[in-house]
C-alpha atoms as a PDB file:
ATOM      1  CA  UNK A   1     125.270  75.813 109.937  1.00  0.00           C
ATOM      2  CA  UNK A   2     125.048  79.025 112.163  1.00  0.00           C
ATOM      3  CA  UNK A   3     126.319  77.814 115.305  1.00  0.00           C
ATOM      4  CA  UNK A   4     126.024  79.253 117.557  1.00  0.00           C
ATOM      5  CA  UNK A   5     124.076  81.859 116.128  1.00  0.00           C
ATOM      6  CA  UNK A   6     119.652  82.473 117.252  1.00  0.00           C
ATOM      7  CA  UNK A   7     116.584  83.349 114.873  1.00  0.00           C
ATOM      8  CA  UNK A   8     113.611  84.659 115.751  1.00  0.00           C
ATOM      9  CA  UNK A   9     110.651  86.754 113.348  1.00  0.00           C
ATOM     10  CA  UNK A  10     110.411  90.359 113.647  1.00  0.00           C
ATOM     11  CA  UNK A  11     107.373  92.068 113.027  1.00  0.00           C
ATOM     12  CA  UNK A  12     108.080  95.077 110.483  1.00  0.00           C
ATOM     13  CA  UNK A  13     105.521  96.587 109.584  1.00  0.00           C
ATOM     14  CA  UNK A  14     103.465  94.942 106.894  1.00  0.00           C
ATOM     15  CA  UNK A  15     106.469  92.397 106.707  1.00  0.00           C
ATOM     16  CA  UNK A  16     107.565  89.585 108.999  1.00  0.00           C
ATOM     17  CA  UNK A  17     111.068  89.036 108.493  1.00  0.00           C
ATOM     18  CA  UNK A  18     113.253  86.207 109.653  1.00  0.00           C
ATOM     19  CA  UNK A  19     116.424  86.479 111.074  1.00  0.00           C
ATOM     20  CA  UNK A  20     119.687  84.752 112.602  1.00  0.00           C
ATOM     21  CA  UNK A  21     122.288  86.402 114.321  1.00  0.00           C
ATOM     22  CA  UNK A  22     124.972  86.364 116.348  1.00  0.00           C
ATOM     23  CA  UNK A  23     128.562  87.724 118.018  1.00  0.00           C
ATOM     24  CA  UNK A  24     129.533  90.350 119.950  1.00  0.00           C
ATOM     25  CA  UNK A  25     130.825  93.774 118.958  1.00  0.00           C
ATOM     26  CA  UNK A  26     130.280  96.655 116.136  1.00  0.00           C
ATOM     27  CA  UNK A  27     126.887  95.325 113.857  1.00  0.00           C
ATOM     28  CA  UNK A  28     126.682  93.981 110.580  1.00  0.00           C
ATOM     29  CA  UNK A  29     123.746  93.182 108.448  1.00  0.00           C
ATOM     30  CA  UNK A  30     124.911  90.758 105.356  1.00  0.00           C
ATOM     31  CA  UNK A  31     122.338  90.979 102.206  1.00  0.00           C
ATOM     32  CA  UNK A  32     121.124  87.503 100.461  1.00  0.00           C
ATOM     33  CA  UNK A  33     120.333  87.726  96.471  1.00  0.00           C
ATOM     34  CA  UNK A  34     118.392  86.116  94.448  1.00  0.00           C
ATOM     35  CA  UNK A  35     117.456  83.208  94.860  1.00  0.00           C
ATOM     36  CA  UNK A  36     118.796  82.690  97.727  1.00  0.00           C
ATOM     37  CA  UNK A  37     118.265  82.879 101.835  1.00  0.00           C
ATOM     38  CA  UNK A  38     120.305  83.946 104.783  1.00  0.00           C
ATOM     39  CA  UNK A  39     121.938  80.373 104.781  1.00  0.00           C
ATOM     40  CA  UNK A  40     124.641  81.566 102.373  1.00  0.00           C
ATOM     41  CA  UNK A  41     125.995  83.637 103.952  1.00  0.00           C
ATOM     42  CA  UNK A  42     126.371  80.251 106.226  1.00  0.00           C
ATOM     43  CA  UNK A  43     130.232  80.184 106.107  1.00  0.00           C
ATOM     44  CA  UNK A  44     131.020  84.238 105.860  1.00  0.00           C
ATOM     45  CA  UNK A  45     129.346  85.167 108.795  1.00  0.00           C
ATOM     46  CA  UNK A  46     131.237  83.069 111.512  1.00  0.00           C
ATOM     47  CA  UNK A  47     134.099  84.197 110.406  1.00  0.00           C
ATOM     48  CA  UNK A  48     132.932  87.800 110.685  1.00  0.00           C
ATOM     49  CA  UNK A  49     131.823  86.553 114.436  1.00  0.00           C
ATOM     50  CA  UNK A  50     135.077  85.200 114.802  1.00  0.00           C
ATOM     51  CA  UNK A  51     137.333  89.034 114.453  1.00  0.00           C
ATOM     52  CA  UNK A  52     134.272  90.533 116.930  1.00  0.00           C
ATOM     53  CA  UNK A  53     131.781  91.951 114.382  1.00  0.00           C
ATOM     54  CA  UNK A  54     127.404  90.820 115.693  1.00  0.00           C
ATOM     55  CA  UNK A  55     126.037  89.795 112.437  1.00  0.00           C
ATOM     56  CA  UNK A  56     122.446  89.653 111.394  1.00  0.00           C
ATOM     57  CA  UNK A  57     121.780  87.412 107.925  1.00  0.00           C
ATOM     58  CA  UNK A  58     117.640  87.995 107.824  1.00  0.00           C
ATOM     59  CA  UNK A  59     115.989  87.221 104.953  1.00  0.00           C
ATOM     60  CA  UNK A  60     114.493  89.637 102.320  1.00  0.00           C
ATOM     61  CA  UNK A  61     110.697  90.304 102.346  1.00  0.00           C
ATOM     62  CA  UNK A  62     109.270  87.316 100.702  1.00  0.00           C
ATOM     63  CA  UNK A  63     112.206  85.168 100.109  1.00  0.00           C
ATOM     64  CA  UNK A  64     113.456  82.155 102.904  1.00  0.00           C
ATOM     65  CA  UNK A  65     110.821  82.108 104.915  1.00  0.00           C
ATOM     66  CA  UNK A  66     110.217  86.524 105.550  1.00  0.00           C
ATOM     67  CA  UNK A  67     106.852  86.888 104.346  1.00  0.00           C
ATOM     68  CA  UNK A  68     105.544  90.617 103.100  1.00  0.00           C
ATOM     69  CA  UNK A  69     101.668  91.535 101.936  1.00  0.00           C
ATOM     70  CA  UNK A  70     100.585  91.406  98.725  1.00  0.00           C
ATOM     71  CA  UNK A  71     101.633  92.170  95.277  1.00  0.00           C
ATOM     72  CA  UNK A  72     100.393  95.481  94.400  1.00  0.00           C
ATOM     73  CA  UNK A  73      99.580  96.352  90.762  1.00  0.00           C
ATOM     74  CA  UNK A  74     103.092  99.023  90.902  1.00  0.00           C
ATOM     75  CA  UNK A  75     105.038  96.316  92.564  1.00  0.00           C
ATOM     76  CA  UNK A  76     105.536  99.004  95.386  1.00  0.00           C
ATOM     77  CA  UNK A  77     105.288  96.484  98.360  1.00  0.00           C
ATOM     78  CA  UNK A  78     108.281  94.396  96.921  1.00  0.00           C
ATOM     79  CA  UNK A  79     110.632  97.508  96.563  1.00  0.00           C
ATOM     80  CA  UNK A  80     113.706  97.993  97.345  1.00  0.00           C
ATOM     81  CA  UNK A  81     112.790 100.903  99.494  1.00  0.00           C
ATOM     82  CA  UNK A  82     110.285  98.585 101.731  1.00  0.00           C
ATOM     83  CA  UNK A  83     113.142  95.825 101.692  1.00  0.00           C
ATOM     84  CA  UNK A  84     115.034  98.865 103.542  1.00  0.00           C
ATOM     85  CA  UNK A  85     112.878 100.041 105.294  1.00  0.00           C
ATOM     86  CA  UNK A  86     112.162  96.133 106.921  1.00  0.00           C
ATOM     87  CA  UNK A  87     115.371  95.987 107.866  1.00  0.00           C
ATOM     88  CA  UNK A  88     115.588  99.070 109.628  1.00  0.00           C
ATOM     89  CA  UNK A  89     112.956  97.779 111.636  1.00  0.00           C
ATOM     90  CA  UNK A  90     115.008  94.357 112.369  1.00  0.00           C
ATOM     91  CA  UNK A  91     118.031  96.363 113.290  1.00  0.00           C
ATOM     92  CA  UNK A  92     116.331  98.660 115.447  1.00  0.00           C
ATOM     93  CA  UNK A  93     114.331  95.752 117.255  1.00  0.00           C
ATOM     94  CA  UNK A  94     117.933  93.549 117.935  1.00  0.00           C
ATOM     95  CA  UNK A  95     119.036  97.359 119.466  1.00  0.00           C
ATOM     96  CA  UNK A  96     121.405  98.242 116.389  1.00  0.00           C
ATOM     97  CA  UNK A  97     120.701 102.238 115.415  1.00  0.00           C
ATOM     98  CA  UNK A  98     123.717 101.676 113.626  1.00  0.00           C
ATOM     99  CA  UNK A  99     125.353  99.693 111.514  1.00  0.00           C
ATOM    100  CA  UNK A 100     127.770  98.211 108.803  1.00  0.00           C
ATOM    101  CA  UNK A 101     126.177  96.279 105.421  1.00  0.00           C
ATOM    102  CA  UNK A 102     127.149  94.257 102.668  1.00  0.00           C
ATOM    103  CA  UNK A 103     124.791  93.497  99.611  1.00  0.00           C
ATOM    104  CA  UNK A 104     124.860  90.510  97.224  1.00  0.00           C
ATOM    105  CA  UNK A 105     123.194  90.544  94.027  1.00  0.00           C
ATOM    106  CA  UNK A 106     119.558  91.439  94.310  1.00  0.00           C
ATOM    107  CA  UNK A 107     120.286  92.103  97.834  1.00  0.00           C
ATOM    108  CA  UNK A 108     123.181  94.936  96.374  1.00  0.00           C
ATOM    109  CA  UNK A 109     119.984  97.032  95.424  1.00  0.00           C
ATOM    110  CA  UNK A 110     118.521  96.602  99.022  1.00  0.00           C
ATOM    111  CA  UNK A 111     121.985  97.744 100.213  1.00  0.00           C
ATOM    112  CA  UNK A 112     121.931 101.339  97.935  1.00  0.00           C
ATOM    113  CA  UNK A 113     118.267 101.471  99.028  1.00  0.00           C
ATOM    114  CA  UNK A 114     119.587 101.575 102.607  1.00  0.00           C
ATOM    115  CA  UNK A 115     122.818 103.611 102.681  1.00  0.00           C
ATOM    116  CA  UNK A 116     120.823 106.406 100.296  1.00  0.00           C
ATOM    117  CA  UNK A 117     117.368 106.422 102.623  1.00  0.00           C
ATOM    118  CA  UNK A 118     119.308 106.305 105.641  1.00  0.00           C
ATOM    119  CA  UNK A 119     122.382 107.653 105.573  1.00  0.00           C
ATOM    120  CA  UNK A 120     122.693 108.460 109.392  1.00  0.00           C
ATOM    121  CA  UNK A 121     122.190 104.653 110.326  1.00  0.00           C
ATOM    122  CA  UNK A 122     124.870 103.291 107.269  1.00  0.00           C
ATOM    123  CA  UNK A 123     129.076 103.202 108.821  1.00  0.00           C
ATOM    124  CA  UNK A 124     129.732 101.345 106.060  1.00  0.00           C
ATOM    125  CA  UNK A 125     128.531  99.710 103.070  1.00  0.00           C
ATOM    126  CA  UNK A 126     129.700  96.688 100.854  1.00  0.00           C
ATOM    127  CA  UNK A 127     128.129  95.816  97.540  1.00  0.00           C
ATOM    128  CA  UNK A 128     128.823  92.474  95.840  1.00  0.00           C
ATOM    129  CA  UNK A 129     128.506  91.485  92.350  1.00  0.00           C
ATOM    130  CA  UNK A 130     125.874  94.603  91.423  1.00  0.00           C
ATOM    131  CA  UNK A 131     125.187  97.552  90.387  1.00  0.00           C
ATOM    132  CA  UNK A 132     122.689  99.973  90.787  1.00  0.00           C
ATOM    133  CA  UNK A 133     119.485  98.989  88.652  1.00  0.00           C
ATOM    134  CA  UNK A 134     119.366 101.635  86.766  1.00  0.00           C
ATOM    135  CA  UNK A 135     123.379 101.778  85.612  1.00  0.00           C
ATOM    136  CA  UNK A 136     122.306  97.820  84.027  1.00  0.00           C
ATOM    137  CA  UNK A 137     119.437  99.931  82.332  1.00  0.00           C
ATOM    138  CA  UNK A 138     121.143 102.286  80.718  1.00  0.00           C
ATOM    139  CA  UNK A 139     123.332  99.977  79.316  1.00  0.00           C
ATOM    140  CA  UNK A 140     120.903  97.817  77.641  1.00  0.00           C
ATOM    141  CA  UNK A 141     123.000  96.284  74.591  1.00  0.00           C
ATOM    142  CA  UNK A 142     121.866  92.469  72.545  1.00  0.00           C
ATOM    143  CA  UNK A 143     124.730  90.682  74.592  1.00  0.00           C
ATOM    144  CA  UNK A 144     123.143  91.823  78.287  1.00  0.00           C
ATOM    145  CA  UNK A 145     120.001  91.067  77.342  1.00  0.00           C
ATOM    146  CA  UNK A 146     120.506  87.710  75.732  1.00  0.00           C
ATOM    147  CA  UNK A 147     122.778  87.288  78.711  1.00  0.00           C
ATOM    148  CA  UNK A 148     120.816  88.380  81.401  1.00  0.00           C
ATOM    149  CA  UNK A 149     117.090  88.128  79.890  1.00  0.00           C
ATOM    150  CA  UNK A 150     115.838  86.219  83.263  1.00  0.00           C
ATOM    151  CA  UNK A 151     115.324  90.257  84.016  1.00  0.00           C
ATOM    152  CA  UNK A 152     113.106  90.949  81.050  1.00  0.00           C
ATOM    153  CA  UNK A 153     110.761  87.057  82.050  1.00  0.00           C
ATOM    154  CA  UNK A 154     110.649  87.349  85.285  1.00  0.00           C
ATOM    155  CA  UNK A 155     109.002  90.661  84.506  1.00  0.00           C
ATOM    156  CA  UNK A 156     106.216  89.476  83.105  1.00  0.00           C
ATOM    157  CA  UNK A 157     102.708  88.589  84.285  1.00  0.00           C
ATOM    158  CA  UNK A 158     101.567  85.282  85.507  1.00  0.00           C
ATOM    159  CA  UNK A 159     103.667  83.489  82.797  1.00  0.00           C
ATOM    160  CA  UNK A 160     107.200  82.735  85.110  1.00  0.00           C
ATOM    161  CA  UNK A 161     105.205  82.029  87.691  1.00  0.00           C
ATOM    162  CA  UNK A 162     103.426  79.193  85.534  1.00  0.00           C
ATOM    163  CA  UNK A 163     106.790  77.786  84.134  1.00  0.00           C
ATOM    164  CA  UNK A 164     108.747  78.032  87.211  1.00  0.00           C
ATOM    165  CA  UNK A 165     106.373  76.209  89.921  1.00  0.00           C
ATOM    166  CA  UNK A 166     105.489  73.263  87.063  1.00  0.00           C
ATOM    167  CA  UNK A 167     108.673  72.306  87.789  1.00  0.00           C
ATOM    168  CA  UNK A 168     111.305  74.530  90.526  1.00  0.00           C
ATOM    169  CA  UNK A 169     113.755  71.786  91.156  1.00  0.00           C
ATOM    170  CA  UNK A 170     114.371  72.148  86.961  1.00  0.00           C
ATOM    171  CA  UNK A 171     114.583  75.737  87.146  1.00  0.00           C
ATOM    172  CA  UNK A 172     116.560  76.134  90.165  1.00  0.00           C
ATOM    173  CA  UNK A 173     119.593  74.524  89.785  1.00  0.00           C
ATOM    174  CA  UNK A 174     121.492  73.923  93.529  1.00  0.00           C
ATOM    175  CA  UNK A 175     124.937  71.697  93.979  1.00  0.00           C
ATOM    176  CA  UNK A 176     124.837  70.881  98.149  1.00  0.00           C
ATOM    177  CA  UNK A 177     128.602  69.715  97.794  1.00  0.00           C
ATOM    178  CA  UNK A 178     129.224  73.530  96.347  1.00  0.00           C
ATOM    179  CA  UNK A 179     125.996  75.565  98.656  1.00  0.00           C
ATOM    180  CA  UNK A 180     126.526  72.829 101.817  1.00  0.00           C
ATOM    181  CA  UNK A 181     123.911  70.358 102.286  1.00  0.00           C
ATOM    182  CA  UNK A 182     121.883  72.675 104.687  1.00  0.00           C
ATOM    183  CA  UNK A 183     122.071  75.821 103.018  1.00  0.00           C
ATOM    184  CA  UNK A 184     120.768  73.999 100.063  1.00  0.00           C
ATOM    185  CA  UNK A 185     117.781  72.444 101.458  1.00  0.00           C
ATOM    186  CA  UNK A 186     116.574  75.498 103.317  1.00  0.00           C
ATOM    187  CA  UNK A 187     117.150  76.970  99.458  1.00  0.00           C
ATOM    188  CA  UNK A 188     115.094  74.516  97.671  1.00  0.00           C
ATOM    189  CA  UNK A 189     112.624  74.212  99.869  1.00  0.00           C
ATOM    190  CA  UNK A 190     112.159  77.898  99.311  1.00  0.00           C
ATOM    191  CA  UNK A 191     112.031  77.542  95.846  1.00  0.00           C
ATOM    192  CA  UNK A 192     109.284  75.075  96.011  1.00  0.00           C
ATOM    193  CA  UNK A 193     107.140  77.312  97.408  1.00  0.00           C
ATOM    194  CA  UNK A 194     104.877  79.501  95.098  1.00  0.00           C
ATOM    195  CA  UNK A 195     104.439  82.144  97.451  1.00  0.00           C
ATOM    196  CA  UNK A 196     108.077  82.263  97.621  1.00  0.00           C
ATOM    197  CA  UNK A 197     108.366  82.759  93.521  1.00  0.00           C
ATOM    198  CA  UNK A 198     106.113  85.146  93.318  1.00  0.00           C
ATOM    199  CA  UNK A 199     107.512  87.477  95.653  1.00  0.00           C
ATOM    200  CA  UNK A 200     111.278  86.427  94.012  1.00  0.00           C
ATOM    201  CA  UNK A 201     109.596  87.520  90.604  1.00  0.00           C
ATOM    202  CA  UNK A 202     108.100  91.113  91.892  1.00  0.00           C
ATOM    203  CA  UNK A 203     111.797  92.275  93.564  1.00  0.00           C
ATOM    204  CA  UNK A 204     112.447  91.619  89.429  1.00  0.00           C
ATOM    205  CA  UNK A 205     109.053  93.774  88.699  1.00  0.00           C
ATOM    206  CA  UNK A 206     110.015  96.200  91.272  1.00  0.00           C
ATOM    207  CA  UNK A 207     113.343  96.685  89.991  1.00  0.00           C
ATOM    208  CA  UNK A 208     112.253  97.574  86.408  1.00  0.00           C
ATOM    209  CA  UNK A 209     109.320 100.049  87.558  1.00  0.00           C
ATOM    210  CA  UNK A 210     109.698 102.081  90.999  1.00  0.00           C
ATOM    211  CA  UNK A 211     113.427 100.969  91.467  1.00  0.00           C
ATOM    212  CA  UNK A 212     114.768 101.899  88.625  1.00  0.00           C
ATOM    213  CA  UNK A 213     112.329 105.597  88.960  1.00  0.00           C
ATOM    214  CA  UNK A 214     113.482 105.852  92.753  1.00  0.00           C
ATOM    215  CA  UNK A 215     117.312 105.462  91.518  1.00  0.00           C
ATOM    216  CA  UNK A 216     117.225 107.777  88.681  1.00  0.00           C
ATOM    217  CA  UNK A 217     115.697 110.767  90.955  1.00  0.00           C
ATOM    218  CA  UNK A 218     118.531 110.229  93.538  1.00  0.00           C
ATOM    219  CA  UNK A 219     120.804 110.680  90.414  1.00  0.00           C
ATOM    220  CA  UNK A 220     119.483 113.542  89.660  1.00  0.00           C
ATOM    221  CA  UNK A 221     119.091 115.281  92.599  1.00  0.00           C
ATOM    222  CA  UNK A 222     122.270 114.411  93.260  1.00  0.00           C
ATOM    223  CA  UNK A 223     122.341 112.349  96.472  1.00  0.00           C
ATOM    224  CA  UNK A 224     125.244 109.720  97.107  1.00  0.00           C
ATOM    225  CA  UNK A 225     126.561 106.931  99.918  1.00  0.00           C
ATOM    226  CA  UNK A 226     127.582 109.448 101.917  1.00  0.00           C
ATOM    227  CA  UNK A 227     129.966 106.321 103.767  1.00  0.00           C
ATOM    228  CA  UNK A 228     132.688 104.362 103.031  1.00  0.00           C
ATOM    229  CA  UNK A 229     131.720 101.727 100.345  1.00  0.00           C
ATOM    230  CA  UNK A 230     133.816  98.650  99.018  1.00  0.00           C
ATOM    231  CA  UNK A 231     132.591  96.855  95.664  1.00  0.00           C
ATOM    232  CA  UNK A 232     133.686  93.872  95.524  1.00  0.00           C
ATOM    233  CA  UNK A 233     132.373  91.223  92.081  1.00  0.00           C
ATOM    234  CA  UNK A 234     133.228  88.303  90.971  1.00  0.00           C
ATOM    235  CA  UNK A 235     136.197  87.222  88.517  1.00  0.00           C
ATOM    236  CA  UNK A 236     134.396  84.028  87.206  1.00  0.00           C
ATOM    237  CA  UNK A 237     130.930  86.085  86.685  1.00  0.00           C
ATOM    238  CA  UNK A 238     130.288  88.231  84.056  1.00  0.00           C
ATOM    239  CA  UNK A 239     129.716  91.561  85.187  1.00  0.00           C
ATOM    240  CA  UNK A 240     133.124  93.448  84.412  1.00  0.00           C
ATOM    241  CA  UNK A 241     132.969  91.100  80.906  1.00  0.00           C
ATOM    242  CA  UNK A 242     130.542  93.458  80.504  1.00  0.00           C
ATOM    243  CA  UNK A 243     130.785  96.551  81.975  1.00  0.00           C
ATOM    244  CA  UNK A 244     134.562  96.973  82.574  1.00  0.00           C
ATOM    245  CA  UNK A 245     135.511  98.219  85.447  1.00  0.00           C
ATOM    246  CA  UNK A 246     132.197  98.348  87.747  1.00  0.00           C
ATOM    247  CA  UNK A 247     134.222 100.485  90.160  1.00  0.00           C
ATOM    248  CA  UNK A 248     134.305 103.487  87.352  1.00  0.00           C
ATOM    249  CA  UNK A 249     129.980 103.358  87.449  1.00  0.00           C
ATOM    250  CA  UNK A 250     129.876 102.784  91.123  1.00  0.00           C
ATOM    251  CA  UNK A 251     132.051 105.819  91.623  1.00  0.00           C
ATOM    252  CA  UNK A 252     129.213 108.201  90.895  1.00  0.00           C
ATOM    253  CA  UNK A 253     127.183 106.659  93.498  1.00  0.00           C
ATOM    254  CA  UNK A 254     129.854 106.632  96.366  1.00  0.00           C
ATOM    255  CA  UNK A 255     132.787 109.488  96.669  1.00  0.00           C
ATOM    256  CA  UNK A 256     134.491 107.485  99.458  1.00  0.00           C
ATOM    257  CA  UNK A 257     134.952 104.263  97.147  1.00  0.00           C
ATOM    258  CA  UNK A 258     137.760 101.089  96.760  1.00  0.00           C
ATOM    259  CA  UNK A 259     137.622  97.541  95.809  1.00  0.00           C
ATOM    260  CA  UNK A 260     138.702  94.532  93.835  1.00  0.00           C
ATOM    261  CA  UNK A 261     137.455  91.304  92.141  1.00  0.00           C
ATOM    262  CA  UNK A 262     137.422  88.082  94.032  1.00  0.00           C
ATOM    263  CA  UNK A 263     138.648  84.894  91.994  1.00  0.00           C
ATOM    264  CA  UNK A 264     134.716  83.601  92.329  1.00  0.00           C
ATOM    265  CA  UNK A 265     131.881  82.065  90.552  1.00  0.00           C
ATOM    266  CA  UNK A 266     128.671  84.195  91.598  1.00  0.00           C
ATOM    267  CA  UNK A 267     127.611  82.678  94.631  1.00  0.00           C
ATOM    268  CA  UNK A 268     130.253  84.188  95.974  1.00  0.00           C
ATOM    269  CA  UNK A 269     129.227  83.698  99.949  1.00  0.00           C
ATOM    270  CA  UNK A 270     129.379  80.032  99.433  1.00  0.00           C
ATOM    271  CA  UNK A 271     132.093  79.592  97.034  1.00  0.00           C
ATOM    272  CA  UNK A 272     135.336  81.490  98.438  1.00  0.00           C
ATOM    273  CA  UNK A 273     133.753  81.884 101.803  1.00  0.00           C
ATOM    274  CA  UNK A 274     137.562  82.694 102.997  1.00  0.00           C
ATOM    275  CA  UNK A 275     138.567  85.653 101.166  1.00  0.00           C
ATOM    276  CA  UNK A 276     134.857  87.465 100.954  1.00  0.00           C
ATOM    277  CA  UNK A 277     135.005  87.034 104.679  1.00  0.00           C
ATOM    278  CA  UNK A 278     138.418  88.525 104.918  1.00  0.00           C
ATOM    279  CA  UNK A 279     137.361  91.144 102.845  1.00  0.00           C
ATOM    280  CA  UNK A 280     134.389  92.379 104.723  1.00  0.00           C
ATOM    281  CA  UNK A 281     136.140  91.953 107.583  1.00  0.00           C
ATOM    282  CA  UNK A 282     138.956  94.109 107.183  1.00  0.00           C
ATOM    283  CA  UNK A 283     136.761  96.844 105.403  1.00  0.00           C
ATOM    284  CA  UNK A 284     134.207  96.949 108.449  1.00  0.00           C
ATOM    285  CA  UNK A 285     137.545  96.574 110.910  1.00  0.00           C
ATOM    286  CA  UNK A 286     139.115 100.237 109.179  1.00  0.00           C
END
């Protein structure tokens, strides 16, 4: 897994960020979602290296082998703004002052925040199986609350930690044949760590509070993604079923936009790596 890549731990202010990187050429930053680690990209990253990119895959703050500060009452320690700032520090430590990026699932709002807060650093942004958090919350229906109930369960104080840590193997489900054995084993070790579980829950708590407010403030101020953007979504997941064409929502955030669905379940980097790598490679090379 990740043959030819190097690993490092970068100190980024209050966070220590585990990162994999390899290749030569224009830099690309790949951001995983919940509850994965950077290992989720193990089938995609080498293909992007073969296409002539330098590929950087970090564990987000608190996920996998990355660690951040203790949670705060206002959840800002795990806000998307804090995580985006970690990643700016990581990329600069590796010598990259401008880069393309892709964010999947919870990594998508991080990619959005990075593009909005640091527009001079981001050359292209790919947003995978996600919407801005504020867009989800402004469209809450009984169906959304039923299908995405975990957002609101994770936001409860203390209870989800007690439930998940009582038996993480029953809470989180992964198939080593689909994920790849090494990816699965790394993910399973992370989800068995109560410190990681707490940080992943703080990601969701921040989403419903500080992250929502930050997005709404940007929307009111007319702040948009200034670089070209690509939106990809899984045709065998529920994003399109809930909202119709995701591009119609993303156009309010990214004027220079394109995108399409991918024949995959939610974890597209593991389930449809060739199609995803081709779409990202074409977009980043354009």
